[in-house]
Amino acid sequence: MNNAFLQKNGFKLIVIVLLLAMIGTLGYMVLKGNSASSKMEVMKKAPDFKLDNIDGKSISLAELAGRSKLVYFFYSTCPDVCQPTTYNLSKVQDALVKKGVFGDKTAIVSISFDPTKDTTAQLQQFSKSFHADPKGWYFLRGDEAAIIDLAQKYGVMVVKDQQGQFTHSNLILLVDKKGDMRRYYAGNDADLDVDKIAQDLIELSKEG
């Protein structure tokens, strides 16, 4: 492997290695989070953040204490998995609204790692297209590097290539009222059970 080849293809090789790491991490995290135990045991403390919501206010994880929540890292111009996963989140929202627990006892947090394209106006429009209820569904943005680092701390791998395109693992993270991570869901799972996810949120919202 000569220097010219490395200079030309080095970044691609790095992306391939990171993608393989993503696949391994995704499989491990989902299996670990969705083990046979029905108790949804604590996996680790969810990293805190303070980011800008589409209403102009800052939102931190600490401020959402007392509510069980889903955390999803995405970007609105994603060509494949982000929009279908956001649609599934909207179905979770609908199930929680039907149960009368959305907003005060449960929440959804969607965090964009592409603030250049995901302006406040863009995210406002994106949220409306999925009938997101602002009392319990937050669309957050902030510094790109900081959010990519945050995503990785949550176990979500994000890679930005030289053309500015993002490759990322597609995980939905379940966080309890105390800010502990309890489960991972594969967002692009064809058999994703939105009613089960809603029930998991409700169950955690009842914990002492």
N, C-alpha and C. Protein backbone atom coordinates (compact mmCIF):
# COMPACT_ATOMS: atom_id res chain seq x y z
N MET A 1 0.86 -1.19 0.00
CA MET A 1 0.00 0.00 0.00
C MET A 1 0.90 1.24 0.00
N ASN A 2 0.98 1.96 -1.13
CA ASN A 2 1.90 3.07 -1.24
C ASN A 2 1.31 4.37 -0.69
N ASN A 3 2.16 5.40 -0.59
CA ASN A 3 1.73 6.66 -0.02
C ASN A 3 0.65 7.34 -0.85
N ALA A 4 0.76 7.24 -2.18
CA ALA A 4 -0.23 7.86 -3.05
C ALA A 4 -1.62 7.26 -2.80
N PHE A 5 -1.64 5.93 -2.65
CA PHE A 5 -2.93 5.27 -2.39
C PHE A 5 -3.51 5.74 -1.06
N LEU A 6 -2.67 5.85 -0.03
CA LEU A 6 -3.13 6.28 1.28
C LEU A 6 -3.65 7.71 1.25
N GLN A 7 -2.93 8.57 0.51
CA GLN A 7 -3.36 9.95 0.43
C GLN A 7 -4.70 10.08 -0.27
N LYS A 8 -4.90 9.25 -1.29
CA LYS A 8 -6.14 9.32 -2.07
C LYS A 8 -7.30 8.65 -1.36
N ASN A 9 -7.03 7.55 -0.67
CA ASN A 9 -8.11 6.75 -0.12
C ASN A 9 -8.10 6.66 1.40
N GLY A 10 -7.20 7.40 2.04
CA GLY A 10 -7.07 7.30 3.49
C GLY A 10 -8.36 7.62 4.22
N PHE A 11 -9.04 8.70 3.79
CA PHE A 11 -10.28 9.08 4.48
C PHE A 11 -11.35 8.03 4.29
N LYS A 12 -11.42 7.45 3.08
CA LYS A 12 -12.41 6.40 2.84
C LYS A 12 -12.16 5.20 3.74
N LEU A 13 -10.89 4.86 3.91
CA LEU A 13 -10.55 3.73 4.77
C LEU A 13 -10.95 4.01 6.22
N ILE A 14 -10.74 5.24 6.65
CA ILE A 14 -11.13 5.62 8.01
C ILE A 14 -12.64 5.49 8.17
N VAL A 15 -13.39 5.96 7.17
CA VAL A 15 -14.85 5.86 7.23
C VAL A 15 -15.29 4.41 7.29
N ILE A 16 -14.66 3.55 6.48
CA ILE A 16 -15.02 2.13 6.48
C ILE A 16 -14.78 1.52 7.85
N VAL A 17 -13.62 1.84 8.44
CA VAL A 17 -13.31 1.31 9.78
C VAL A 17 -14.34 1.80 10.80
N LEU A 18 -14.69 3.08 10.72
CA LEU A 18 -15.67 3.63 11.66
C LEU A 18 -17.05 3.02 11.44
N LEU A 19 -17.41 2.76 10.17
CA LEU A 19 -18.69 2.13 9.89
C LEU A 19 -18.74 0.73 10.47
N LEU A 20 -17.66 0.00 10.35
CA LEU A 20 -17.61 -1.34 10.94
C LEU A 20 -17.74 -1.25 12.46
N ALA A 21 -17.11 -0.23 13.03
CA ALA A 21 -17.23 -0.03 14.48
C ALA A 21 -18.66 0.31 14.86
N MET A 22 -19.33 1.11 14.01
CA MET A 22 -20.73 1.45 14.25
C MET A 22 -21.61 0.21 14.28
N ILE A 23 -21.40 -0.66 13.29
CA ILE A 23 -22.21 -1.87 13.20
C ILE A 23 -22.03 -2.72 14.46
N GLY A 24 -20.77 -2.86 14.88
CA GLY A 24 -20.51 -3.63 16.08
C GLY A 24 -21.12 -2.98 17.31
N THR A 25 -20.96 -1.66 17.42
CA THR A 25 -21.52 -0.94 18.56
C THR A 25 -23.03 -1.02 18.58
N LEU A 26 -23.65 -0.84 17.40
CA LEU A 26 -25.10 -0.91 17.30
C LEU A 26 -25.62 -2.25 17.79
N GLY A 27 -25.00 -3.32 17.28
CA GLY A 27 -25.45 -4.65 17.68
C GLY A 27 -25.29 -4.88 19.17
N TYR A 28 -24.14 -4.47 19.71
CA TYR A 28 -23.88 -4.66 21.14
C TYR A 28 -24.86 -3.86 21.99
N MET A 29 -25.04 -2.58 21.64
CA MET A 29 -25.89 -1.73 22.45
C MET A 29 -27.35 -2.17 22.44
N VAL A 30 -27.85 -2.55 21.25
CA VAL A 30 -29.24 -2.98 21.17
C VAL A 30 -29.46 -4.28 21.93
N LEU A 31 -28.51 -5.22 21.79
CA LEU A 31 -28.62 -6.48 22.52
C LEU A 31 -28.53 -6.24 24.02
N LYS A 32 -27.62 -5.36 24.42
CA LYS A 32 -27.46 -5.06 25.84
C LYS A 32 -28.69 -4.35 26.39
N GLY A 33 -29.21 -3.41 25.62
CA GLY A 33 -30.36 -2.65 26.10
C GLY A 33 -31.64 -3.44 26.06
N ASN A 34 -31.74 -4.40 25.15
CA ASN A 34 -32.97 -5.18 25.00
C ASN A 34 -32.75 -6.62 25.41
N SER A 35 -32.08 -6.81 26.51
CA SER A 35 -31.80 -8.15 27.02
C SER A 35 -33.08 -8.79 27.52
N ALA A 36 -32.97 -10.03 27.93
CA ALA A 36 -34.15 -10.77 28.36
C ALA A 36 -34.79 -10.16 29.59
N SER A 37 -34.01 -9.39 30.37
CA SER A 37 -34.56 -8.79 31.57
C SER A 37 -35.65 -7.79 31.21
N SER A 38 -36.79 -7.91 31.89
CA SER A 38 -37.92 -7.00 31.60
C SER A 38 -37.85 -5.74 32.47
N LYS A 39 -36.83 -5.66 33.32
CA LYS A 39 -36.74 -4.57 34.28
C LYS A 39 -36.16 -3.30 33.69
N MET A 40 -35.55 -3.39 32.51
CA MET A 40 -34.88 -2.24 31.92
C MET A 40 -33.86 -1.67 32.89
N GLU A 41 -32.87 -2.46 33.22
CA GLU A 41 -31.87 -2.05 34.20
C GLU A 41 -31.08 -0.83 33.73
N VAL A 42 -30.56 -0.10 34.69
CA VAL A 42 -29.76 1.09 34.38
C VAL A 42 -28.48 0.67 33.65
N MET A 43 -28.22 1.32 32.51
CA MET A 43 -27.03 1.04 31.73
C MET A 43 -25.89 1.98 32.12
N LYS A 44 -26.19 3.27 32.15
CA LYS A 44 -25.23 4.28 32.59
C LYS A 44 -25.96 5.61 32.70
N LYS A 45 -25.30 6.58 33.30
CA LYS A 45 -25.86 7.92 33.39
C LYS A 45 -25.84 8.59 32.01
N ALA A 46 -26.97 9.17 31.62
CA ALA A 46 -27.03 9.87 30.34
C ALA A 46 -26.28 11.20 30.45
N PRO A 47 -25.37 11.51 29.52
CA PRO A 47 -24.65 12.78 29.56
C PRO A 47 -25.61 13.97 29.46
N ASP A 48 -25.39 14.96 30.27
CA ASP A 48 -26.25 16.15 30.24
C ASP A 48 -25.88 17.02 29.04
N PHE A 49 -26.75 17.93 28.71
CA PHE A 49 -26.52 18.88 27.62
C PHE A 49 -27.35 20.12 27.87
N LYS A 50 -27.03 21.18 27.18
CA LYS A 50 -27.84 22.41 27.18
C LYS A 50 -27.80 22.93 25.76
N LEU A 51 -28.92 22.81 25.04
CA LEU A 51 -28.98 23.13 23.62
C LEU A 51 -30.19 24.02 23.33
N ASP A 52 -30.19 24.60 22.14
CA ASP A 52 -31.25 25.54 21.76
C ASP A 52 -32.43 24.80 21.15
N ASN A 53 -33.62 25.06 21.69
CA ASN A 53 -34.86 24.51 21.15
C ASN A 53 -35.39 25.42 20.05
N ILE A 54 -36.33 24.92 19.27
CA ILE A 54 -36.85 25.71 18.15
C ILE A 54 -37.73 26.88 18.59
N ASP A 55 -38.08 26.92 19.89
CA ASP A 55 -38.85 28.07 20.39
C ASP A 55 -37.94 29.18 20.90
N GLY A 56 -36.60 28.99 20.72
CA GLY A 56 -35.65 30.01 21.14
C GLY A 56 -35.13 29.84 22.56
N LYS A 57 -35.69 28.90 23.30
CA LYS A 57 -35.25 28.66 24.67
C LYS A 57 -34.22 27.54 24.71
N SER A 58 -33.38 27.57 25.73
CA SER A 58 -32.40 26.51 25.93
C SER A 58 -33.03 25.39 26.75
N ILE A 59 -32.67 24.16 26.39
CA ILE A 59 -33.19 22.99 27.09
C ILE A 59 -32.00 22.13 27.52
N SER A 60 -32.02 21.70 28.77
CA SER A 60 -30.99 20.78 29.25
C SER A 60 -31.65 19.47 29.65
N LEU A 61 -30.86 18.42 29.70
CA LEU A 61 -31.39 17.14 30.16
C LEU A 61 -31.85 17.25 31.60
N ALA A 62 -31.11 18.00 32.40
CA ALA A 62 -31.46 18.16 33.81
C ALA A 62 -32.85 18.78 33.97
N GLU A 63 -33.22 19.69 33.06
CA GLU A 63 -34.53 20.33 33.13
C GLU A 63 -35.66 19.37 32.82
N LEU A 64 -35.33 18.24 32.18
CA LEU A 64 -36.35 17.24 31.84
C LEU A 64 -36.46 16.16 32.91
N ALA A 65 -35.77 16.36 34.04
CA ALA A 65 -35.87 15.41 35.15
C ALA A 65 -37.33 15.29 35.59
N GLY A 66 -37.72 14.08 35.94
CA GLY A 66 -39.10 13.84 36.32
C GLY A 66 -39.94 13.30 35.18
N ARG A 67 -39.36 13.32 33.98
CA ARG A 67 -40.05 12.74 32.82
C ARG A 67 -39.18 11.66 32.18
N SER A 68 -39.76 10.54 31.82
CA SER A 68 -39.04 9.57 30.99
C SER A 68 -39.03 10.11 29.58
N LYS A 69 -37.96 9.83 28.83
CA LYS A 69 -37.84 10.45 27.50
C LYS A 69 -37.06 9.58 26.53
N LEU A 70 -37.29 9.86 25.27
CA LEU A 70 -36.51 9.28 24.19
C LEU A 70 -35.56 10.35 23.67
N VAL A 71 -34.32 9.96 23.40
CA VAL A 71 -33.34 10.88 22.82
C VAL A 71 -32.91 10.31 21.47
N TYR A 72 -32.99 11.15 20.44
CA TYR A 72 -32.66 10.69 19.08
C TYR A 72 -31.77 11.70 18.39
N PHE A 73 -30.60 11.28 17.93
CA PHE A 73 -29.67 12.13 17.17
C PHE A 73 -29.94 11.93 15.68
N PHE A 74 -30.07 13.03 14.94
CA PHE A 74 -30.51 12.96 13.54
C PHE A 74 -30.07 14.22 12.80
N TYR A 75 -30.41 14.27 11.50
CA TYR A 75 -30.39 15.54 10.77
C TYR A 75 -31.51 15.51 9.74
N SER A 76 -32.14 16.65 9.54
CA SER A 76 -33.40 16.69 8.81
C SER A 76 -33.26 16.40 7.32
N THR A 77 -32.07 16.63 6.74
CA THR A 77 -31.87 16.37 5.31
C THR A 77 -31.32 14.98 5.05
N CYS A 78 -31.31 14.15 6.05
CA CYS A 78 -30.87 12.75 5.94
C CYS A 78 -31.63 12.06 4.81
N PRO A 79 -30.93 11.39 3.88
CA PRO A 79 -31.60 10.81 2.72
C PRO A 79 -32.26 9.45 2.98
N ASP A 80 -32.08 8.88 4.16
CA ASP A 80 -32.63 7.54 4.35
C ASP A 80 -33.34 7.36 5.69
N VAL A 81 -32.61 7.12 6.79
CA VAL A 81 -33.24 6.60 8.00
C VAL A 81 -33.90 7.63 8.90
N CYS A 82 -33.45 8.88 8.88
CA CYS A 82 -33.91 9.84 9.87
C CYS A 82 -35.40 10.17 9.77
N GLN A 83 -35.90 10.36 8.56
CA GLN A 83 -37.31 10.70 8.43
C GLN A 83 -38.24 9.54 8.80
N PRO A 84 -37.97 8.30 8.34
CA PRO A 84 -38.81 7.19 8.78
C PRO A 84 -38.76 6.99 10.30
N THR A 85 -37.59 7.19 10.89
CA THR A 85 -37.48 7.04 12.34
C THR A 85 -38.24 8.14 13.05
N THR A 86 -38.17 9.36 12.54
CA THR A 86 -38.93 10.46 13.12
C THR A 86 -40.43 10.21 12.99
N TYR A 87 -40.84 9.60 11.89
CA TYR A 87 -42.25 9.22 11.73
C TYR A 87 -42.65 8.23 12.83
N ASN A 88 -41.78 7.25 13.09
CA ASN A 88 -42.06 6.29 14.17
C ASN A 88 -42.14 6.99 15.52
N LEU A 89 -41.29 7.98 15.73
CA LEU A 89 -41.37 8.75 16.97
C LEU A 89 -42.70 9.50 17.07
N SER A 90 -43.20 9.97 15.93
CA SER A 90 -44.50 10.65 15.95
C SER A 90 -45.61 9.68 16.34
N LYS A 91 -45.47 8.41 15.96
CA LYS A 91 -46.46 7.40 16.37
C LYS A 91 -46.35 7.10 17.86
N VAL A 92 -45.12 7.11 18.39
CA VAL A 92 -44.94 6.98 19.84
C VAL A 92 -45.62 8.15 20.54
N GLN A 93 -45.40 9.35 20.01
CA GLN A 93 -46.05 10.53 20.58
C GLN A 93 -47.57 10.35 20.60
N ASP A 94 -48.13 9.89 19.49
CA ASP A 94 -49.58 9.71 19.41
C ASP A 94 -50.09 8.74 20.47
N ALA A 95 -49.33 7.64 20.68
CA ALA A 95 -49.73 6.65 21.68
C ALA A 95 -49.68 7.24 23.08
N LEU A 96 -48.68 8.07 23.35
CA LEU A 96 -48.55 8.69 24.66
C LEU A 96 -49.62 9.75 24.89
N VAL A 97 -49.95 10.51 23.84
CA VAL A 97 -51.03 11.49 23.93
C VAL A 97 -52.34 10.79 24.24
N LYS A 98 -52.57 9.67 23.58
CA LYS A 98 -53.79 8.90 23.79
C LYS A 98 -53.92 8.43 25.24
N LYS A 99 -52.77 8.14 25.84
CA LYS A 99 -52.75 7.69 27.24
C LYS A 99 -52.77 8.86 28.22
N GLY A 100 -52.66 10.07 27.69
CA GLY A 100 -52.71 11.26 28.54
C GLY A 100 -51.45 11.51 29.35
N VAL A 101 -50.29 11.05 28.85
CA VAL A 101 -49.05 11.18 29.62
C VAL A 101 -47.97 11.95 28.88
N PHE A 102 -48.29 12.49 27.70
CA PHE A 102 -47.25 13.16 26.92
C PHE A 102 -47.08 14.60 27.37
N GLY A 103 -45.85 15.00 27.57
CA GLY A 103 -45.55 16.38 27.94
C GLY A 103 -45.25 16.54 29.41
N ASP A 104 -46.14 16.04 30.28
CA ASP A 104 -45.90 16.19 31.71
C ASP A 104 -45.16 15.01 32.32
N LYS A 105 -45.36 13.80 31.76
CA LYS A 105 -44.71 12.61 32.30
C LYS A 105 -43.71 11.98 31.34
N THR A 106 -43.84 12.27 30.06
CA THR A 106 -42.94 11.71 29.05
C THR A 106 -42.58 12.80 28.03
N ALA A 107 -41.47 12.58 27.32
CA ALA A 107 -41.01 13.57 26.34
C ALA A 107 -40.17 12.89 25.26
N ILE A 108 -39.98 13.59 24.17
CA ILE A 108 -39.10 13.15 23.08
C ILE A 108 -38.12 14.29 22.80
N VAL A 109 -36.84 13.94 22.64
CA VAL A 109 -35.81 14.93 22.37
C VAL A 109 -35.07 14.54 21.10
N SER A 110 -35.22 15.33 20.05
CA SER A 110 -34.52 15.10 18.79
C SER A 110 -33.40 16.13 18.68
N ILE A 111 -32.16 15.65 18.53
CA ILE A 111 -30.99 16.53 18.53
C ILE A 111 -30.29 16.46 17.17
N SER A 112 -30.23 17.59 16.47
CA SER A 112 -29.58 17.64 15.16
C SER A 112 -28.07 17.81 15.31
N PHE A 113 -27.31 17.02 14.55
CA PHE A 113 -25.86 17.22 14.53
C PHE A 113 -25.41 17.95 13.26
N ASP A 114 -26.37 18.61 12.56
CA ASP A 114 -26.04 19.38 11.36
C ASP A 114 -26.63 20.79 11.48
N PRO A 115 -26.09 21.62 12.39
CA PRO A 115 -26.68 22.94 12.61
C PRO A 115 -26.57 23.88 11.42
N THR A 116 -25.66 23.60 10.49
CA THR A 116 -25.53 24.47 9.32
C THR A 116 -26.79 24.44 8.48
N LYS A 117 -27.29 23.24 8.19
CA LYS A 117 -28.53 23.11 7.42
C LYS A 117 -29.76 23.13 8.30
N ASP A 118 -29.62 22.58 9.49
CA ASP A 118 -30.77 22.55 10.40
C ASP A 118 -30.83 23.84 11.22
N THR A 119 -31.21 24.90 10.52
CA THR A 119 -31.46 26.18 11.19
C THR A 119 -32.72 26.05 12.04
N THR A 120 -32.97 27.03 12.86
CA THR A 120 -34.20 27.02 13.67
C THR A 120 -35.43 26.94 12.77
N ALA A 121 -35.44 27.71 11.69
CA ALA A 121 -36.58 27.71 10.77
C ALA A 121 -36.76 26.34 10.11
N GLN A 122 -35.65 25.72 9.72
CA GLN A 122 -35.71 24.40 9.10
C GLN A 122 -36.28 23.37 10.07
N LEU A 123 -35.83 23.39 11.30
CA LEU A 123 -36.31 22.43 12.29
C LEU A 123 -37.76 22.70 12.68
N GLN A 124 -38.16 23.97 12.67
CA GLN A 124 -39.57 24.28 12.93
C GLN A 124 -40.46 23.65 11.86
N GLN A 125 -40.05 23.78 10.60
CA GLN A 125 -40.82 23.20 9.51
C GLN A 125 -40.79 21.68 9.58
N PHE A 126 -39.62 21.13 9.89
CA PHE A 126 -39.49 19.68 10.00
C PHE A 126 -40.40 19.14 11.09
N SER A 127 -40.43 19.80 12.23
CA SER A 127 -41.26 19.33 13.33
C SER A 127 -42.74 19.38 12.98
N LYS A 128 -43.14 20.41 12.27
CA LYS A 128 -44.54 20.53 11.87
C LYS A 128 -44.95 19.41 10.93
N SER A 129 -44.03 18.98 10.08
CA SER A 129 -44.36 17.93 9.12
C SER A 129 -44.62 16.59 9.80
N PHE A 130 -44.21 16.47 11.07
CA PHE A 130 -44.47 15.25 11.83
C PHE A 130 -45.41 15.53 13.01
N HIS A 131 -46.21 16.60 12.89
CA HIS A 131 -47.18 17.05 13.90
C HIS A 131 -46.62 16.91 15.32
N ALA A 132 -45.38 17.37 15.50
CA ALA A 132 -44.75 17.29 16.82
C ALA A 132 -45.43 18.26 17.79
N ASP A 133 -45.78 17.78 18.97
CA ASP A 133 -46.41 18.60 20.00
C ASP A 133 -45.30 19.29 20.81
N PRO A 134 -45.17 20.61 20.71
CA PRO A 134 -44.05 21.30 21.36
C PRO A 134 -44.04 21.21 22.88
N LYS A 135 -45.14 20.81 23.48
CA LYS A 135 -45.15 20.73 24.95
C LYS A 135 -44.35 19.51 25.44
N GLY A 136 -44.02 18.58 24.52
CA GLY A 136 -43.29 17.41 24.96
C GLY A 136 -42.27 16.89 23.97
N TRP A 137 -42.18 17.52 22.79
CA TRP A 137 -41.21 17.07 21.78
C TRP A 137 -40.31 18.25 21.44
N TYR A 138 -39.03 18.11 21.74
CA TYR A 138 -38.06 19.18 21.57
C TYR A 138 -37.13 18.87 20.40
N PHE A 139 -36.90 19.86 19.56
CA PHE A 139 -35.95 19.75 18.45
C PHE A 139 -34.80 20.71 18.74
N LEU A 140 -33.64 20.13 19.04
CA LEU A 140 -32.52 20.91 19.56
C LEU A 140 -31.37 21.01 18.58
N ARG A 141 -30.61 22.08 18.69
CA ARG A 141 -29.44 22.29 17.86
C ARG A 141 -28.38 23.02 18.68
N GLY A 142 -27.14 22.97 18.20
CA GLY A 142 -26.03 23.65 18.89
C GLY A 142 -24.78 23.51 18.07
N ASP A 143 -23.64 23.62 18.72
CA ASP A 143 -22.36 23.51 18.03
C ASP A 143 -22.17 22.10 17.47
N GLU A 144 -21.80 22.02 16.19
CA GLU A 144 -21.70 20.73 15.50
C GLU A 144 -20.73 19.77 16.19
N ALA A 145 -19.52 20.22 16.45
CA ALA A 145 -18.51 19.35 17.05
C ALA A 145 -18.94 18.87 18.43
N ALA A 146 -19.54 19.78 19.19
CA ALA A 146 -19.98 19.43 20.54
C ALA A 146 -21.09 18.39 20.50
N ILE A 147 -22.00 18.51 19.53
CA ILE A 147 -23.11 17.56 19.46
C ILE A 147 -22.63 16.20 18.95
N ILE A 148 -21.70 16.19 18.00
CA ILE A 148 -21.15 14.91 17.55
C ILE A 148 -20.45 14.20 18.71
N ASP A 149 -19.75 14.97 19.52
CA ASP A 149 -19.10 14.40 20.71
C ASP A 149 -20.15 13.90 21.69
N LEU A 150 -21.22 14.66 21.87
CA LEU A 150 -22.31 14.24 22.76
C LEU A 150 -22.95 12.95 22.27
N ALA A 151 -23.20 12.88 20.96
CA ALA A 151 -23.80 11.67 20.39
C ALA A 151 -22.94 10.45 20.68
N GLN A 152 -21.64 10.61 20.52
CA GLN A 152 -20.73 9.49 20.76
C GLN A 152 -20.73 9.08 22.23
N LYS A 153 -20.91 10.04 23.13
CA LYS A 153 -21.01 9.71 24.55
C LYS A 153 -22.28 8.93 24.86
N TYR A 154 -23.29 9.14 24.04
CA TYR A 154 -24.54 8.38 24.18
C TYR A 154 -24.45 7.01 23.49
N GLY A 155 -23.34 6.75 22.78
CA GLY A 155 -23.19 5.49 22.07
C GLY A 155 -23.61 5.55 20.62
N VAL A 156 -23.84 6.76 20.11
CA VAL A 156 -24.24 6.96 18.72
C VAL A 156 -23.02 7.45 17.93
N MET A 157 -22.60 6.68 16.93
CA MET A 157 -21.45 7.06 16.12
C MET A 157 -21.88 7.98 14.99
N VAL A 158 -21.14 9.07 14.80
CA VAL A 158 -21.42 10.03 13.73
C VAL A 158 -20.11 10.34 13.00
N VAL A 159 -20.11 10.21 11.67
CA VAL A 159 -18.93 10.51 10.86
C VAL A 159 -19.34 11.50 9.76
N LYS A 160 -18.57 12.58 9.62
CA LYS A 160 -18.81 13.55 8.55
C LYS A 160 -17.69 13.43 7.53
N ASP A 161 -18.05 13.19 6.26
CA ASP A 161 -17.03 12.99 5.25
C ASP A 161 -16.57 14.33 4.67
N GLN A 162 -15.66 14.26 3.71
CA GLN A 162 -15.07 15.47 3.14
C GLN A 162 -16.05 16.28 2.29
N GLN A 163 -17.16 15.66 1.92
CA GLN A 163 -18.20 16.37 1.16
C GLN A 163 -19.27 16.94 2.10
N GLY A 164 -19.08 16.77 3.40
CA GLY A 164 -20.03 17.31 4.36
C GLY A 164 -21.23 16.42 4.61
N GLN A 165 -21.17 15.17 4.13
CA GLN A 165 -22.26 14.23 4.33
C GLN A 165 -22.04 13.45 5.62
N PHE A 166 -23.13 13.13 6.31
CA PHE A 166 -23.04 12.42 7.58
C PHE A 166 -23.41 10.95 7.41
N THR A 167 -22.66 10.11 8.10
CA THR A 167 -23.02 8.70 8.27
C THR A 167 -23.14 8.48 9.78
N HIS A 168 -24.20 7.81 10.20
CA HIS A 168 -24.42 7.68 11.64
C HIS A 168 -25.18 6.41 11.96
N SER A 169 -24.97 5.93 13.18
CA SER A 169 -25.79 4.82 13.65
C SER A 169 -27.15 5.37 14.06
N ASN A 170 -28.19 4.57 13.85
CA ASN A 170 -29.56 5.05 13.99
C ASN A 170 -30.19 4.44 15.24
N LEU A 171 -29.91 5.05 16.36
CA LEU A 171 -30.39 4.54 17.64
C LEU A 171 -31.34 5.52 18.30
N ILE A 172 -32.38 4.98 18.94
CA ILE A 172 -33.27 5.74 19.81
C ILE A 172 -32.92 5.33 21.24
N LEU A 173 -32.68 6.31 22.10
CA LEU A 173 -32.21 6.04 23.45
C LEU A 173 -33.31 6.33 24.47
N LEU A 174 -33.53 5.39 25.37
CA LEU A 174 -34.54 5.55 26.41
C LEU A 174 -33.86 5.99 27.70
N VAL A 175 -34.29 7.14 28.21
CA VAL A 175 -33.70 7.72 29.43
C VAL A 175 -34.81 7.90 30.47
N ASP A 176 -34.53 7.50 31.70
CA ASP A 176 -35.57 7.56 32.73
C ASP A 176 -35.66 8.92 33.40
N LYS A 177 -36.51 9.02 34.41
CA LYS A 177 -36.78 10.30 35.08
C LYS A 177 -35.56 10.86 35.79
N LYS A 178 -34.66 9.97 36.20
CA LYS A 178 -33.46 10.39 36.93
C LYS A 178 -32.27 10.68 36.01
N GLY A 179 -32.47 10.50 34.71
CA GLY A 179 -31.39 10.76 33.77
C GLY A 179 -30.48 9.58 33.53
N ASP A 180 -30.98 8.37 33.80
CA ASP A 180 -30.22 7.16 33.54
C ASP A 180 -30.67 6.52 32.23
N MET A 181 -29.72 6.05 31.44
CA MET A 181 -30.03 5.36 30.20
C MET A 181 -30.48 3.94 30.52
N ARG A 182 -31.60 3.54 29.90
CA ARG A 182 -32.18 2.25 30.26
C ARG A 182 -32.30 1.27 29.09
N ARG A 183 -32.31 1.79 27.86
CA ARG A 183 -32.50 0.90 26.72
C ARG A 183 -32.14 1.61 25.43
N TYR A 184 -31.74 0.82 24.43
CA TYR A 184 -31.52 1.31 23.06
C TYR A 184 -32.51 0.60 22.14
N TYR A 185 -33.04 1.34 21.17
CA TYR A 185 -33.85 0.74 20.11
C TYR A 185 -33.18 1.02 18.77
N ALA A 186 -33.20 0.05 17.87
CA ALA A 186 -32.69 0.25 16.52
C ALA A 186 -33.74 1.00 15.72
N GLY A 187 -33.46 2.26 15.38
CA GLY A 187 -34.46 3.11 14.77
C GLY A 187 -34.95 2.64 13.42
N ASN A 188 -34.10 1.93 12.66
CA ASN A 188 -34.52 1.47 11.33
C ASN A 188 -34.93 0.00 11.33
N ASP A 189 -35.26 -0.53 12.51
CA ASP A 189 -35.75 -1.90 12.61
C ASP A 189 -37.14 -1.97 11.97
N ALA A 190 -37.29 -2.82 10.97
CA ALA A 190 -38.57 -2.95 10.28
C ALA A 190 -39.68 -3.41 11.22
N ASP A 191 -39.30 -4.08 12.29
CA ASP A 191 -40.28 -4.59 13.26
C ASP A 191 -40.36 -3.73 14.52
N LEU A 192 -39.91 -2.50 14.43
CA LEU A 192 -39.94 -1.61 15.60
C LEU A 192 -41.37 -1.47 16.10
N ASP A 193 -41.57 -1.76 17.38
CA ASP A 193 -42.91 -1.75 17.98
C ASP A 193 -43.10 -0.44 18.73
N VAL A 194 -43.78 0.52 18.10
CA VAL A 194 -43.94 1.85 18.71
C VAL A 194 -44.82 1.77 19.96
N ASP A 195 -45.77 0.87 19.98
CA ASP A 195 -46.60 0.73 21.17
C ASP A 195 -45.80 0.21 22.35
N LYS A 196 -44.85 -0.69 22.08
CA LYS A 196 -43.99 -1.21 23.15
C LYS A 196 -43.07 -0.10 23.66
N ILE A 197 -42.56 0.73 22.77
CA ILE A 197 -41.72 1.85 23.19
C ILE A 197 -42.52 2.80 24.08
N ALA A 198 -43.75 3.11 23.66
CA ALA A 198 -44.62 3.97 24.46
C ALA A 198 -44.87 3.37 25.84
N GLN A 199 -45.08 2.07 25.87
CA GLN A 199 -45.33 1.39 27.13
C GLN A 199 -44.09 1.42 28.02
N ASP A 200 -42.90 1.28 27.41
CA ASP A 200 -41.66 1.37 28.18
C ASP A 200 -41.55 2.76 28.84
N LEU A 201 -41.87 3.81 28.09
CA LEU A 201 -41.84 5.16 28.64
C LEU A 201 -42.83 5.32 29.79
N ILE A 202 -44.01 4.78 29.60
CA ILE A 202 -45.03 4.88 30.65
C ILE A 202 -44.59 4.14 31.91
N GLU A 203 -44.01 2.95 31.71
CA GLU A 203 -43.53 2.16 32.84
C GLU A 203 -42.47 2.92 33.63
N LEU A 204 -41.53 3.54 32.91
CA LEU A 204 -40.47 4.28 33.59
C LEU A 204 -41.03 5.54 34.27
N SER A 205 -42.07 6.12 33.69
CA SER A 205 -42.65 7.34 34.28
C SER A 205 -43.31 7.06 35.62
N LYS A 206 -43.61 5.80 35.88
CA LYS A 206 -44.27 5.42 37.14
C LYS A 206 -43.28 5.03 38.23
N GLU A 207 -42.00 4.95 37.88
CA GLU A 207 -41.00 4.58 38.88
C GLU A 207 -40.85 5.66 39.94
N GLY A 208 -40.53 5.23 41.16
CA GLY A 208 -40.35 6.18 42.25
C GLY A 208 -39.05 6.95 42.14
